[in-house]
């Protein structure tokens, strides 16, 4: 894949000639040999029984030959189409180097959308 700059890449006339010469090349290899989301860990604590909140950590594999920067993730966790958890999480500095696995770190306040005790 090649990304090429042009005069429309910047609103500043003095920079347009420089951007016209920019060319970045990268490759995206097939990802069928390794999943991008490699692991999801959900921690249920005693307070979950009261507030329906859990902690989550996930790990991401970067198949690109350049850094992968994760700035925001929104996800629903479901079983047989029934959603049990939902989260929106912003990240600052979550960078995964090429060919590596990066961890989101553990973060809390992930809402269980179904009452936990009803499913035990």
PDB file of N, CA and C in Angstrom:
ATOM      1  N   UNK A   1       0.854  -1.138   0.000  1.00  0.00           N
ATOM      2  CA  UNK A   1       0.000   0.000   0.000  1.00  0.00           C
ATOM      3  C   UNK A   1       0.918   1.222   0.000  1.00  0.00           C
ATOM      4  N   UNK A   2       0.565   2.210  -0.814  1.00  0.00           N
ATOM      5  CA  UNK A   2       1.336   3.446  -0.885  1.00  0.00           C
ATOM      6  C   UNK A   2       0.420   4.633  -0.636  1.00  0.00           C
ATOM      7  N   UNK A   3       0.854   5.514   0.254  1.00  0.00           N
ATOM      8  CA  UNK A   3       0.131   6.748   0.531  1.00  0.00           C
ATOM      9  C   UNK A   3       0.964   7.872  -0.060  1.00  0.00           C
ATOM     10  N   UNK A   4       0.343   8.664  -0.929  1.00  0.00           N
ATOM     11  CA  UNK A   4       1.056   9.756  -1.588  1.00  0.00           C
ATOM     12  C   UNK A   4       0.431  11.087  -1.209  1.00  0.00           C
ATOM     13  N   UNK A   5       1.289  12.058  -0.952  1.00  0.00           N
ATOM     14  CA  UNK A   5       0.820  13.401  -0.664  1.00  0.00           C
ATOM     15  C   UNK A   5       0.575  14.169  -1.944  1.00  0.00           C
ATOM     16  N   UNK A   6      -0.190  15.246  -1.838  1.00  0.00           N
ATOM     17  CA  UNK A   6      -0.411  16.145  -2.978  1.00  0.00           C
ATOM     18  C   UNK A   6      -0.619  17.560  -2.436  1.00  0.00           C
ATOM     19  N   UNK A   7      -0.860  18.498  -3.313  1.00  0.00           N
ATOM     20  CA  UNK A   7      -1.019  19.899  -2.901  1.00  0.00           C
ATOM     21  C   UNK A   7      -2.201  20.079  -1.954  1.00  0.00           C
ATOM     22  N   UNK A   8      -3.207  19.191  -2.042  1.00  0.00           N
ATOM     23  CA  UNK A   8      -4.381  19.295  -1.177  1.00  0.00           C
ATOM     24  C   UNK A   8      -4.125  18.731   0.225  1.00  0.00           C
ATOM     25  N   UNK A   9      -2.925  18.177   0.464  1.00  0.00           N
ATOM     26  CA  UNK A   9      -2.607  17.595   1.769  1.00  0.00           C
ATOM     27  C   UNK A   9      -2.413  18.643   2.852  1.00  0.00           C
ATOM     28  N   UNK A  10      -2.241  19.900   2.463  1.00  0.00           N
ATOM     29  CA  UNK A  10      -2.055  20.973   3.439  1.00  0.00           C
ATOM     30  C   UNK A  10      -2.698  22.257   2.924  1.00  0.00           C
ATOM     31  N   UNK A  11      -3.249  23.057   3.818  1.00  0.00           N
ATOM     32  CA  UNK A  11      -3.819  24.333   3.386  1.00  0.00           C
ATOM     33  C   UNK A  11      -2.759  25.435   3.236  1.00  0.00           C
ATOM     34  N   UNK A  12      -1.505  25.152   3.612  1.00  0.00           N
ATOM     35  CA  UNK A  12      -0.444  26.152   3.582  1.00  0.00           C
ATOM     36  C   UNK A  12       0.330  26.068   2.267  1.00  0.00           C
ATOM     37  N   UNK A  13       0.230  27.109   1.483  1.00  0.00           N
ATOM     38  CA  UNK A  13       0.864  27.158   0.170  1.00  0.00           C
ATOM     39  C   UNK A  13       2.353  26.874   0.194  1.00  0.00           C
ATOM     40  N   UNK A  14       3.044  27.346   1.213  1.00  0.00           N
ATOM     41  CA  UNK A  14       4.489  27.142   1.277  1.00  0.00           C
ATOM     42  C   UNK A  14       4.856  25.675   1.508  1.00  0.00           C
ATOM     43  N   UNK A  15       3.942  24.875   2.064  1.00  0.00           N
ATOM     44  CA  UNK A  15       4.210  23.459   2.318  1.00  0.00           C
ATOM     45  C   UNK A  15       3.735  22.543   1.196  1.00  0.00           C
ATOM     46  N   UNK A  16       2.925  23.063   0.283  1.00  0.00           N
ATOM     47  CA  UNK A  16       2.363  22.214  -0.772  1.00  0.00           C
ATOM     48  C   UNK A  16       3.422  21.508  -1.610  1.00  0.00           C
ATOM     49  N   UNK A  17       4.505  22.170  -2.041  1.00  0.00           N
ATOM     50  CA  UNK A  17       5.522  21.437  -2.810  1.00  0.00           C
ATOM     51  C   UNK A  17       6.152  20.285  -2.019  1.00  0.00           C
ATOM     52  N   UNK A  18       6.346  20.476  -0.736  1.00  0.00           N
ATOM     53  CA  UNK A  18       6.926  19.417   0.092  1.00  0.00           C
ATOM     54  C   UNK A  18       5.973  18.227   0.195  1.00  0.00           C
ATOM     55  N   UNK A  19       4.669  18.504   0.400  1.00  0.00           N
ATOM     56  CA  UNK A  19       3.695  17.417   0.526  1.00  0.00           C
ATOM     57  C   UNK A  19       3.495  16.683  -0.795  1.00  0.00           C
ATOM     58  N   UNK A  20       3.678  17.364  -1.909  1.00  0.00           N
ATOM     59  CA  UNK A  20       3.556  16.707  -3.212  1.00  0.00           C
ATOM     60  C   UNK A  20       4.624  15.638  -3.393  1.00  0.00           C
ATOM     61  N   UNK A  21       5.734  15.765  -2.684  1.00  0.00           N
ATOM     62  CA  UNK A  21       6.811  14.784  -2.803  1.00  0.00           C
ATOM     63  C   UNK A  21       6.769  13.675  -1.763  1.00  0.00           C
ATOM     64  N   UNK A  22       5.800  13.710  -0.846  1.00  0.00           N
ATOM     65  CA  UNK A  22       5.727  12.704   0.208  1.00  0.00           C
ATOM     66  C   UNK A  22       5.148  11.409  -0.352  1.00  0.00           C
ATOM     67  N   UNK A  23       5.832  10.297  -0.050  1.00  0.00           N
ATOM     68  CA  UNK A  23       5.331   8.977  -0.439  1.00  0.00           C
ATOM     69  C   UNK A  23       5.700   7.994   0.663  1.00  0.00           C
ATOM     70  N   UNK A  24       4.699   7.355   1.238  1.00  0.00           N
ATOM     71  CA  UNK A  24       4.900   6.391   2.313  1.00  0.00           C
ATOM     72  C   UNK A  24       4.417   5.027   1.834  1.00  0.00           C
ATOM     73  N   UNK A  25       5.240   4.016   2.037  1.00  0.00           N
ATOM     74  CA  UNK A  25       4.867   2.666   1.620  1.00  0.00           C
ATOM     75  C   UNK A  25       4.804   1.751   2.833  1.00  0.00           C
ATOM     76  N   UNK A  26       3.835   0.867   2.846  1.00  0.00           N
ATOM     77  CA  UNK A  26       3.700  -0.144   3.884  1.00  0.00           C
ATOM     78  C   UNK A  26       3.021  -1.356   3.280  1.00  0.00           C
ATOM     79  N   UNK A  27       2.962  -2.415   4.021  1.00  0.00           N
ATOM     80  CA  UNK A  27       2.299  -3.633   3.565  1.00  0.00           C
ATOM     81  C   UNK A  27       1.369  -4.118   4.661  1.00  0.00           C
ATOM     82  N   UNK A  28       0.281  -4.707   4.268  1.00  0.00           N
ATOM     83  CA  UNK A  28      -0.650  -5.319   5.202  1.00  0.00           C
ATOM     84  C   UNK A  28      -0.677  -6.796   4.860  1.00  0.00           C
ATOM     85  N   UNK A  29      -0.035  -7.593   5.698  1.00  0.00           N
ATOM     86  CA  UNK A  29      -0.015  -9.025   5.440  1.00  0.00           C
ATOM     87  C   UNK A  29      -1.337  -9.640   5.871  1.00  0.00           C
ATOM     88  N   UNK A  30      -1.617 -10.818   5.332  1.00  0.00           N
ATOM     89  CA  UNK A  30      -2.838 -11.510   5.703  1.00  0.00           C
ATOM     90  C   UNK A  30      -2.881 -11.768   7.194  1.00  0.00           C
ATOM     91  N   UNK A  31      -4.029 -11.648   7.790  1.00  0.00           N
ATOM     92  CA  UNK A  31      -4.136 -11.821   9.234  1.00  0.00           C
ATOM     93  C   UNK A  31      -4.865 -13.105   9.601  1.00  0.00           C
ATOM     94  N   UNK A  32      -5.048 -13.993   8.643  1.00  0.00           N
ATOM     95  CA  UNK A  32      -5.772 -15.218   8.946  1.00  0.00           C
ATOM     96  C   UNK A  32      -4.926 -16.215   9.732  1.00  0.00           C
ATOM     97  N   UNK A  33      -3.634 -15.940   9.901  1.00  0.00           N
ATOM     98  CA  UNK A  33      -2.792 -16.849  10.655  1.00  0.00           C
ATOM     99  C   UNK A  33      -2.744 -16.510  12.150  1.00  0.00           C
ATOM    100  N   UNK A  34      -3.187 -15.344  12.524  1.00  0.00           N
ATOM    101  CA  UNK A  34      -3.172 -14.943  13.928  1.00  0.00           C
ATOM    102  C   UNK A  34      -4.283 -13.922  14.143  1.00  0.00           C
ATOM    103  N   UNK A  35      -5.156 -14.126  15.131  1.00  0.00           N
ATOM    104  CA  UNK A  35      -6.225 -13.145  15.362  1.00  0.00           C
ATOM    105  C   UNK A  35      -5.673 -11.829  15.895  1.00  0.00           C
ATOM    106  N   UNK A  36      -6.341 -10.732  15.557  1.00  0.00           N
ATOM    107  CA  UNK A  36      -5.932  -9.421  16.055  1.00  0.00           C
ATOM    108  C   UNK A  36      -6.229  -9.304  17.549  1.00  0.00           C
ATOM    109  N   UNK A  37      -7.407  -9.716  17.979  1.00  0.00           N
ATOM    110  CA  UNK A  37      -7.726  -9.738  19.409  1.00  0.00           C
ATOM    111  C   UNK A  37      -7.282 -11.100  19.924  1.00  0.00           C
ATOM    112  N   UNK A  38      -6.232 -11.120  20.735  1.00  0.00           N
ATOM    113  CA  UNK A  38      -5.660 -12.392  21.164  1.00  0.00           C
ATOM    114  C   UNK A  38      -6.168 -12.862  22.515  1.00  0.00           C
ATOM    115  N   UNK A  39      -6.655 -11.933  23.330  1.00  0.00           N
ATOM    116  CA  UNK A  39      -7.095 -12.318  24.669  1.00  0.00           C
ATOM    117  C   UNK A  39      -8.000 -11.242  25.249  1.00  0.00           C
ATOM    118  N   UNK A  40      -9.034 -11.676  25.975  1.00  0.00           N
ATOM    119  CA  UNK A  40      -9.896 -10.768  26.731  1.00  0.00           C
ATOM    120  C   UNK A  40     -10.066 -11.376  28.122  1.00  0.00           C
ATOM    121  N   UNK A  41      -9.775 -10.586  29.143  1.00  0.00           N
ATOM    122  CA  UNK A  41      -9.916 -11.052  30.521  1.00  0.00           C
ATOM    123  C   UNK A  41     -10.923 -10.155  31.231  1.00  0.00           C
ATOM    124  N   UNK A  42     -11.937 -10.770  31.819  1.00  0.00           N
ATOM    125  CA  UNK A  42     -12.949 -10.050  32.590  1.00  0.00           C
ATOM    126  C   UNK A  42     -12.830 -10.502  34.035  1.00  0.00           C
ATOM    127  N   UNK A  43     -12.666  -9.544  34.937  1.00  0.00           N
ATOM    128  CA  UNK A  43     -12.535  -9.853  36.358  1.00  0.00           C
ATOM    129  C   UNK A  43     -13.814  -9.439  37.069  1.00  0.00           C
ATOM    130  N   UNK A  44     -14.443 -10.431  37.715  1.00  0.00           N
ATOM    131  CA  UNK A  44     -15.670 -10.200  38.471  1.00  0.00           C
ATOM    132  C   UNK A  44     -15.297 -10.187  39.950  1.00  0.00           C
ATOM    133  N   UNK A  45     -15.537  -9.065  40.607  1.00  0.00           N
ATOM    134  CA  UNK A  45     -15.239  -8.931  42.030  1.00  0.00           C
ATOM    135  C   UNK A  45     -16.491  -9.018  42.879  1.00  0.00           C
ATOM    136  N   UNK A  46     -16.307  -9.000  44.178  1.00  0.00           N
ATOM    137  CA  UNK A  46     -17.459  -9.054  45.081  1.00  0.00           C
ATOM    138  C   UNK A  46     -18.389  -7.865  44.880  1.00  0.00           C
ATOM    139  N   UNK A  47     -17.824  -6.695  44.574  1.00  0.00           N
ATOM    140  CA  UNK A  47     -18.663  -5.511  44.391  1.00  0.00           C
ATOM    141  C   UNK A  47     -19.512  -5.610  43.121  1.00  0.00           C
ATOM    142  N   UNK A  48     -19.148  -6.504  42.217  1.00  0.00           N
ATOM    143  CA  UNK A  48     -19.942  -6.697  40.993  1.00  0.00           C
ATOM    144  C   UNK A  48     -21.367  -7.100  41.330  1.00  0.00           C
ATOM    145  N   UNK A  49     -21.539  -7.853  42.419  1.00  0.00           N
ATOM    146  CA  UNK A  49     -22.873  -8.292  42.832  1.00  0.00           C
ATOM    147  C   UNK A  49     -23.759  -7.112  43.218  1.00  0.00           C
ATOM    148  N   UNK A  50     -23.145  -5.991  43.581  1.00  0.00           N
ATOM    149  CA  UNK A  50     -23.891  -4.807  44.000  1.00  0.00           C
ATOM    150  C   UNK A  50     -24.022  -3.793  42.869  1.00  0.00           C
ATOM    151  N   UNK A  51     -22.910  -3.564  42.123  1.00  0.00           N
ATOM    152  CA  UNK A  51     -22.916  -2.464  41.156  1.00  0.00           C
ATOM    153  C   UNK A  51     -22.881  -2.889  39.683  1.00  0.00           C
ATOM    154  N   UNK A  52     -22.836  -4.195  39.422  1.00  0.00           N
ATOM    155  CA  UNK A  52     -22.797  -4.722  38.042  1.00  0.00           C
ATOM    156  C   UNK A  52     -21.618  -4.188  37.235  1.00  0.00           C
ATOM    157  N   UNK A  53     -20.514  -3.858  37.900  1.00  0.00           N
ATOM    158  CA  UNK A  53     -19.319  -3.381  37.222  1.00  0.00           C
ATOM    159  C   UNK A  53     -18.215  -4.435  37.311  1.00  0.00           C
ATOM    160  N   UNK A  54     -17.492  -4.610  36.218  1.00  0.00           N
ATOM    161  CA  UNK A  54     -16.361  -5.534  36.181  1.00  0.00           C
ATOM    162  C   UNK A  54     -15.132  -4.802  35.660  1.00  0.00           C
ATOM    163  N   UNK A  55     -13.984  -5.477  35.737  1.00  0.00           N
ATOM    164  CA  UNK A  55     -12.747  -4.961  35.159  1.00  0.00           C
ATOM    165  C   UNK A  55     -12.427  -5.774  33.913  1.00  0.00           C
ATOM    166  N   UNK A  56     -11.809  -5.125  32.930  1.00  0.00           N
ATOM    167  CA  UNK A  56     -11.499  -5.777  31.662  1.00  0.00           C
ATOM    168  C   UNK A  56     -10.061  -5.461  31.260  1.00  0.00           C
ATOM    169  N   UNK A  57      -9.427  -6.430  30.621  1.00  0.00           N
ATOM    170  CA  UNK A  57      -8.140  -6.234  29.950  1.00  0.00           C
ATOM    171  C   UNK A  57      -8.225  -6.989  28.637  1.00  0.00           C
ATOM    172  N   UNK A  58      -7.701  -6.401  27.573  1.00  0.00           N
ATOM    173  CA  UNK A  58      -7.638  -7.129  26.309  1.00  0.00           C
ATOM    174  C   UNK A  58      -6.266  -6.953  25.698  1.00  0.00           C
ATOM    175  N   UNK A  59      -5.900  -7.914  24.847  1.00  0.00           N
ATOM    176  CA  UNK A  59      -4.604  -7.881  24.175  1.00  0.00           C
ATOM    177  C   UNK A  59      -4.824  -7.911  22.668  1.00  0.00           C
ATOM    178  N   UNK A  60      -4.037  -7.089  21.966  1.00  0.00           N
ATOM    179  CA  UNK A  60      -4.170  -6.900  20.523  1.00  0.00           C
ATOM    180  C   UNK A  60      -2.854  -7.255  19.843  1.00  0.00           C
ATOM    181  N   UNK A  61      -2.931  -8.027  18.765  1.00  0.00           N
ATOM    182  CA  UNK A  61      -1.771  -8.328  17.930  1.00  0.00           C
ATOM    183  C   UNK A  61      -1.727  -7.330  16.772  1.00  0.00           C
ATOM    184  N   UNK A  62      -0.551  -6.760  16.517  1.00  0.00           N
ATOM    185  CA  UNK A  62      -0.378  -5.810  15.420  1.00  0.00           C
ATOM    186  C   UNK A  62       0.243  -6.536  14.226  1.00  0.00           C
ATOM    187  N   UNK A  63      -0.544  -6.792  13.161  1.00  0.00           N
ATOM    188  CA  UNK A  63      -0.018  -7.491  11.988  1.00  0.00           C
ATOM    189  C   UNK A  63       0.710  -6.565  11.002  1.00  0.00           C
ATOM    190  N   UNK A  64       0.711  -5.273  11.272  1.00  0.00           N
ATOM    191  CA  UNK A  64       1.294  -4.300  10.353  1.00  0.00           C
ATOM    192  C   UNK A  64       2.806  -4.199  10.552  1.00  0.00           C
ATOM    193  N   UNK A  65       3.497  -3.597   9.577  1.00  0.00           N
ATOM    194  CA  UNK A  65       4.931  -3.358   9.749  1.00  0.00           C
ATOM    195  C   UNK A  65       5.195  -1.925  10.197  1.00  0.00           C
ATOM    196  N   UNK A  66       4.229  -1.345  10.855  1.00  0.00           N
ATOM    197  CA  UNK A  66       4.332  -0.017  11.457  1.00  0.00           C
ATOM    198  C   UNK A  66       3.570  -0.037  12.777  1.00  0.00           C
ATOM    199  N   UNK A  67       3.832   0.924  13.649  1.00  0.00           N
ATOM    200  CA  UNK A  67       3.130   0.979  14.929  1.00  0.00           C
ATOM    201  C   UNK A  67       1.618   1.064  14.723  1.00  0.00           C
ATOM    202  N   UNK A  68       0.870   0.394  15.585  1.00  0.00           N
ATOM    203  CA  UNK A  68      -0.586   0.481  15.619  1.00  0.00           C
ATOM    204  C   UNK A  68      -0.944   1.279  16.869  1.00  0.00           C
ATOM    205  N   UNK A  69      -1.661   2.392  16.692  1.00  0.00           N
ATOM    206  CA  UNK A  69      -2.037   3.254  17.805  1.00  0.00           C
ATOM    207  C   UNK A  69      -3.531   3.081  18.056  1.00  0.00           C
ATOM    208  N   UNK A  70      -3.871   2.659  19.265  1.00  0.00           N
ATOM    209  CA  UNK A  70      -5.268   2.492  19.666  1.00  0.00           C
ATOM    210  C   UNK A  70      -5.641   3.719  20.495  1.00  0.00           C
ATOM    211  N   UNK A  71      -6.615   4.488  20.030  1.00  0.00           N
ATOM    212  CA  UNK A  71      -7.045   5.691  20.741  1.00  0.00           C
ATOM    213  C   UNK A  71      -8.380   5.513  21.446  1.00  0.00           C
ATOM    214  N   UNK A  72      -9.250   4.651  20.897  1.00  0.00           N
ATOM    215  CA  UNK A  72     -10.581   4.489  21.479  1.00  0.00           C
ATOM    216  C   UNK A  72     -11.124   3.122  21.080  1.00  0.00           C
ATOM    217  N   UNK A  73     -11.771   2.452  22.024  1.00  0.00           N
ATOM    218  CA  UNK A  73     -12.393   1.160  21.748  1.00  0.00           C
ATOM    219  C   UNK A  73     -13.789   1.177  22.337  1.00  0.00           C
ATOM    220  N   UNK A  74     -14.727   0.660  21.570  1.00  0.00           N
ATOM    221  CA  UNK A  74     -16.098   0.461  22.047  1.00  0.00           C
ATOM    222  C   UNK A  74     -16.451  -0.978  21.738  1.00  0.00           C
ATOM    223  N   UNK A  75     -16.981  -1.696  22.730  1.00  0.00           N
ATOM    224  CA  UNK A  75     -17.274  -3.107  22.505  1.00  0.00           C
ATOM    225  C   UNK A  75     -18.496  -3.547  23.293  1.00  0.00           C
ATOM    226  N   UNK A  76     -19.175  -4.547  22.758  1.00  0.00           N
ATOM    227  CA  UNK A  76     -20.239  -5.255  23.441  1.00  0.00           C
ATOM    228  C   UNK A  76     -19.821  -6.712  23.517  1.00  0.00           C
ATOM    229  N   UNK A  77     -20.057  -7.346  24.651  1.00  0.00           N
ATOM    230  CA  UNK A  77     -19.799  -8.774  24.808  1.00  0.00           C
ATOM    231  C   UNK A  77     -21.141  -9.475  24.857  1.00  0.00           C
ATOM    232  N   UNK A  78     -21.294 -10.497  24.021  1.00  0.00           N
ATOM    233  CA  UNK A  78     -22.590 -11.166  23.955  1.00  0.00           C
ATOM    234  C   UNK A  78     -22.417 -12.678  23.868  1.00  0.00           C
ATOM    235  N   UNK A  79     -23.474 -13.364  24.244  1.00  0.00           N
ATOM    236  CA  UNK A  79     -23.575 -14.811  24.105  1.00  0.00           C
ATOM    237  C   UNK A  79     -24.909 -15.094  23.445  1.00  0.00           C
ATOM    238  N   UNK A  80     -24.868 -15.795  22.320  1.00  0.00           N
ATOM    239  CA  UNK A  80     -26.083 -16.120  21.569  1.00  0.00           C
ATOM    240  C   UNK A  80     -26.931 -14.882  21.286  1.00  0.00           C
ATOM    241  N   UNK A  81     -26.276 -13.767  20.984  1.00  0.00           N
ATOM    242  CA  UNK A  81     -26.974 -12.544  20.621  1.00  0.00           C
ATOM    243  C   UNK A  81     -27.454 -11.698  21.782  1.00  0.00           C
ATOM    244  N   UNK A  82     -27.299 -12.184  23.011  1.00  0.00           N
ATOM    245  CA  UNK A  82     -27.714 -11.417  24.182  1.00  0.00           C
ATOM    246  C   UNK A  82     -26.496 -10.687  24.738  1.00  0.00           C
ATOM    247  N   UNK A  83     -26.566  -9.357  24.814  1.00  0.00           N
ATOM    248  CA  UNK A  83     -25.442  -8.546  25.281  1.00  0.00           C
ATOM    249  C   UNK A  83     -25.369  -8.597  26.804  1.00  0.00           C
ATOM    250  N   UNK A  84     -24.159  -8.908  27.313  1.00  0.00           N
ATOM    251  CA  UNK A  84     -23.935  -8.993  28.749  1.00  0.00           C
ATOM    252  C   UNK A  84     -23.047  -7.884  29.285  1.00  0.00           C
ATOM    253  N   UNK A  85     -22.234  -7.274  28.428  1.00  0.00           N
ATOM    254  CA  UNK A  85     -21.354  -6.202  28.897  1.00  0.00           C
ATOM    255  C   UNK A  85     -21.136  -5.209  27.768  1.00  0.00           C
ATOM    256  N   UNK A  86     -20.890  -3.954  28.151  1.00  0.00           N
ATOM    257  CA  UNK A  86     -20.631  -2.891  27.185  1.00  0.00           C
ATOM    258  C   UNK A  86     -19.579  -1.967  27.768  1.00  0.00           C
ATOM    259  N   UNK A  87     -18.628  -1.537  26.901  1.00  0.00           N
ATOM    260  CA  UNK A  87     -17.697  -0.519  27.358  1.00  0.00           C
ATOM    261  C   UNK A  87     -17.263   0.398  26.237  1.00  0.00           C
ATOM    262  N   UNK A  88     -16.938   1.633  26.627  1.00  0.00           N
ATOM    263  CA  UNK A  88     -16.314   2.653  25.783  1.00  0.00           C
ATOM    264  C   UNK A  88     -15.054   3.053  26.544  1.00  0.00           C
ATOM    265  N   UNK A  89     -13.901   2.973  25.912  1.00  0.00           N
ATOM    266  CA  UNK A  89     -12.666   3.285  26.625  1.00  0.00           C
ATOM    267  C   UNK A  89     -11.727   4.081  25.727  1.00  0.00           C
ATOM    268  N   UNK A  90     -11.291   5.240  26.208  1.00  0.00           N
ATOM    269  CA  UNK A  90     -10.276   6.031  25.520  1.00  0.00           C
ATOM    270  C   UNK A  90      -8.903   5.605  26.015  1.00  0.00           C
ATOM    271  N   UNK A  91      -7.900   5.741  25.161  1.00  0.00           N
ATOM    272  CA  UNK A  91      -6.529   5.400  25.528  1.00  0.00           C
ATOM    273  C   UNK A  91      -5.605   6.540  25.140  1.00  0.00           C
ATOM    274  N   UNK A  92      -4.584   6.710  25.938  1.00  0.00           N
ATOM    275  CA  UNK A  92      -3.552   7.695  25.667  1.00  0.00           C
ATOM    276  C   UNK A  92      -2.212   6.967  25.736  1.00  0.00           C
ATOM    277  N   UNK A  93      -1.568   6.779  24.596  1.00  0.00           N
ATOM    278  CA  UNK A  93      -0.278   6.102  24.590  1.00  0.00           C
ATOM    279  C   UNK A  93      -0.350   4.600  24.436  1.00  0.00           C
ATOM    280  N   UNK A  94      -1.452   4.055  23.952  1.00  0.00           N
ATOM    281  CA  UNK A  94      -1.572   2.613  23.695  1.00  0.00           C
ATOM    282  C   UNK A  94      -1.033   2.361  22.289  1.00  0.00           C
ATOM    283  N   UNK A  95       0.255   2.063  22.203  1.00  0.00           N
ATOM    284  CA  UNK A  95       0.941   1.863  20.930  1.00  0.00           C
ATOM    285  C   UNK A  95       1.484   0.444  20.904  1.00  0.00           C
ATOM    286  N   UNK A  96       1.186  -0.281  19.822  1.00  0.00           N
ATOM    287  CA  UNK A  96       1.651  -1.651  19.671  1.00  0.00           C
ATOM    288  C   UNK A  96       2.663  -1.687  18.526  1.00  0.00           C
ATOM    289  N   UNK A  97       3.906  -2.052  18.814  1.00  0.00           N
ATOM    290  CA  UNK A  97       4.919  -2.126  17.756  1.00  0.00           C
ATOM    291  C   UNK A  97       4.591  -3.215  16.730  1.00  0.00           C
ATOM    292  N   UNK A  98       5.172  -3.133  15.546  1.00  0.00           N
ATOM    293  CA  UNK A  98       4.920  -4.122  14.496  1.00  0.00           C
ATOM    294  C   UNK A  98       5.192  -5.553  14.962  1.00  0.00           C
ATOM    295  N   UNK A  99       4.264  -6.445  14.665  1.00  0.00           N
ATOM    296  CA  UNK A  99       4.428  -7.858  14.976  1.00  0.00           C
ATOM    297  C   UNK A  99       4.359  -8.209  16.445  1.00  0.00           C
ATOM    298  N   UNK A 100       3.971  -7.273  17.295  1.00  0.00           N
ATOM    299  CA  UNK A 100       3.940  -7.504  18.741  1.00  0.00           C
ATOM    300  C   UNK A 100       2.498  -7.567  19.252  1.00  0.00           C
ATOM    301  N   UNK A 101       2.363  -8.007  20.500  1.00  0.00           N
ATOM    302  CA  UNK A 101       1.076  -8.024  21.181  1.00  0.00           C
ATOM    303  C   UNK A 101       1.126  -6.962  22.272  1.00  0.00           C
ATOM    304  N   UNK A 102       0.116  -6.107  22.317  1.00  0.00           N
ATOM    305  CA  UNK A 102       0.034  -5.050  23.322  1.00  0.00           C
ATOM    306  C   UNK A 102      -1.169  -5.247  24.211  1.00  0.00           C
ATOM    307  N   UNK A 103      -1.038  -4.859  25.473  1.00  0.00           N
ATOM    308  CA  UNK A 103      -2.109  -4.988  26.450  1.00  0.00           C
ATOM    309  C   UNK A 103      -2.755  -3.633  26.719  1.00  0.00           C
ATOM    310  N   UNK A 104      -4.059  -3.637  26.845  1.00  0.00           N
ATOM    311  CA  UNK A 104      -4.804  -2.419  27.188  1.00  0.00           C
ATOM    312  C   UNK A 104      -4.568  -2.018  28.630  1.00  0.00           C
ATOM    313  N   UNK A 105      -4.070  -2.949  29.423  1.00  0.00           N
ATOM    314  CA  UNK A 105      -4.031  -2.741  30.867  1.00  0.00           C
ATOM    315  C   UNK A 105      -5.424  -2.981  31.410  1.00  0.00           C
ATOM    316  N   UNK A 106      -5.521  -3.191  32.689  1.00  0.00           N
ATOM    317  CA  UNK A 106      -6.826  -3.443  33.298  1.00  0.00           C
ATOM    318  C   UNK A 106      -7.526  -2.123  33.582  1.00  0.00           C
ATOM    319  N   UNK A 107      -8.772  -2.035  33.155  1.00  0.00           N
ATOM    320  CA  UNK A 107      -9.568  -0.843  33.443  1.00  0.00           C
ATOM    321  C   UNK A 107     -10.931  -1.268  33.966  1.00  0.00           C
ATOM    322  N   UNK A 108     -11.459  -0.451  34.852  1.00  0.00           N
ATOM    323  CA  UNK A 108     -12.716  -0.777  35.520  1.00  0.00           C
ATOM    324  C   UNK A 108     -13.902  -0.039  34.944  1.00  0.00           C
ATOM    325  N   UNK A 109     -14.991  -0.112  35.690  1.00  0.00           N
ATOM    326  CA  UNK A 109     -16.244   0.548  35.337  1.00  0.00           C
ATOM    327  C   UNK A 109     -16.833   0.058  34.029  1.00  0.00           C
ATOM    328  N   UNK A 110     -16.688  -1.250  33.769  1.00  0.00           N
ATOM    329  CA  UNK A 110     -17.329  -1.862  32.606  1.00  0.00           C
ATOM    330  C   UNK A 110     -18.662  -2.414  33.075  1.00  0.00           C
ATOM    331  N   UNK A 111     -19.712  -1.918  32.479  1.00  0.00           N
ATOM    332  CA  UNK A 111     -21.070  -2.242  32.913  1.00  0.00           C
ATOM    333  C   UNK A 111     -21.528  -3.596  32.388  1.00  0.00           C
ATOM    334  N   UNK A 112     -21.992  -4.438  33.311  1.00  0.00           N
ATOM    335  CA  UNK A 112     -22.710  -5.650  32.915  1.00  0.00           C
ATOM    336  C   UNK A 112     -24.156  -5.228  32.657  1.00  0.00           C
ATOM    337  N   UNK A 113     -24.637  -5.444  31.463  1.00  0.00           N
ATOM    338  CA  UNK A 113     -25.977  -4.990  31.118  1.00  0.00           C
ATOM    339  C   UNK A 113     -27.065  -5.933  31.592  1.00  0.00           C
ATOM    340  N   UNK A 114     -26.677  -7.136  32.040  1.00  0.00           N
ATOM    341  CA  UNK A 114     -27.595  -8.095  32.620  1.00  0.00           C
ATOM    342  C   UNK A 114     -27.203  -8.264  34.084  1.00  0.00           C
ATOM    343  N   UNK A 115     -28.163  -8.425  34.960  1.00  0.00           N
ATOM    344  CA  UNK A 115     -27.867  -8.616  36.378  1.00  0.00           C
ATOM    345  C   UNK A 115     -27.171  -9.964  36.540  1.00  0.00           C
ATOM    346  N   UNK A 116     -26.006  -9.958  37.165  1.00  0.00           N
ATOM    347  CA  UNK A 116     -25.168 -11.144  37.271  1.00  0.00           C
ATOM    348  C   UNK A 116     -25.863 -12.302  37.956  1.00  0.00           C
ATOM    349  N   UNK A 117     -26.563 -12.062  39.065  1.00  0.00           N
ATOM    350  CA  UNK A 117     -27.178 -13.135  39.828  1.00  0.00           C
ATOM    351  C   UNK A 117     -28.289 -13.871  39.072  1.00  0.00           C
ATOM    352  N   UNK A 118     -28.898 -13.237  38.091  1.00  0.00           N
ATOM    353  CA  UNK A 118     -29.989 -13.871  37.353  1.00  0.00           C
ATOM    354  C   UNK A 118     -29.483 -14.980  36.445  1.00  0.00           C
ATOM    355  N   UNK A 119     -28.186 -15.047  36.200  1.00  0.00           N
ATOM    356  CA  UNK A 119     -27.648 -16.011  35.246  1.00  0.00           C
ATOM    357  C   UNK A 119     -26.834 -17.110  35.922  1.00  0.00           C
ATOM    358  N   UNK A 120     -26.889 -17.211  37.258  1.00  0.00           N
ATOM    359  CA  UNK A 120     -26.120 -18.253  37.950  1.00  0.00           C
ATOM    360  C   UNK A 120     -27.002 -19.331  38.435  1.00  0.00           C
TER     361      UNK A 120
END
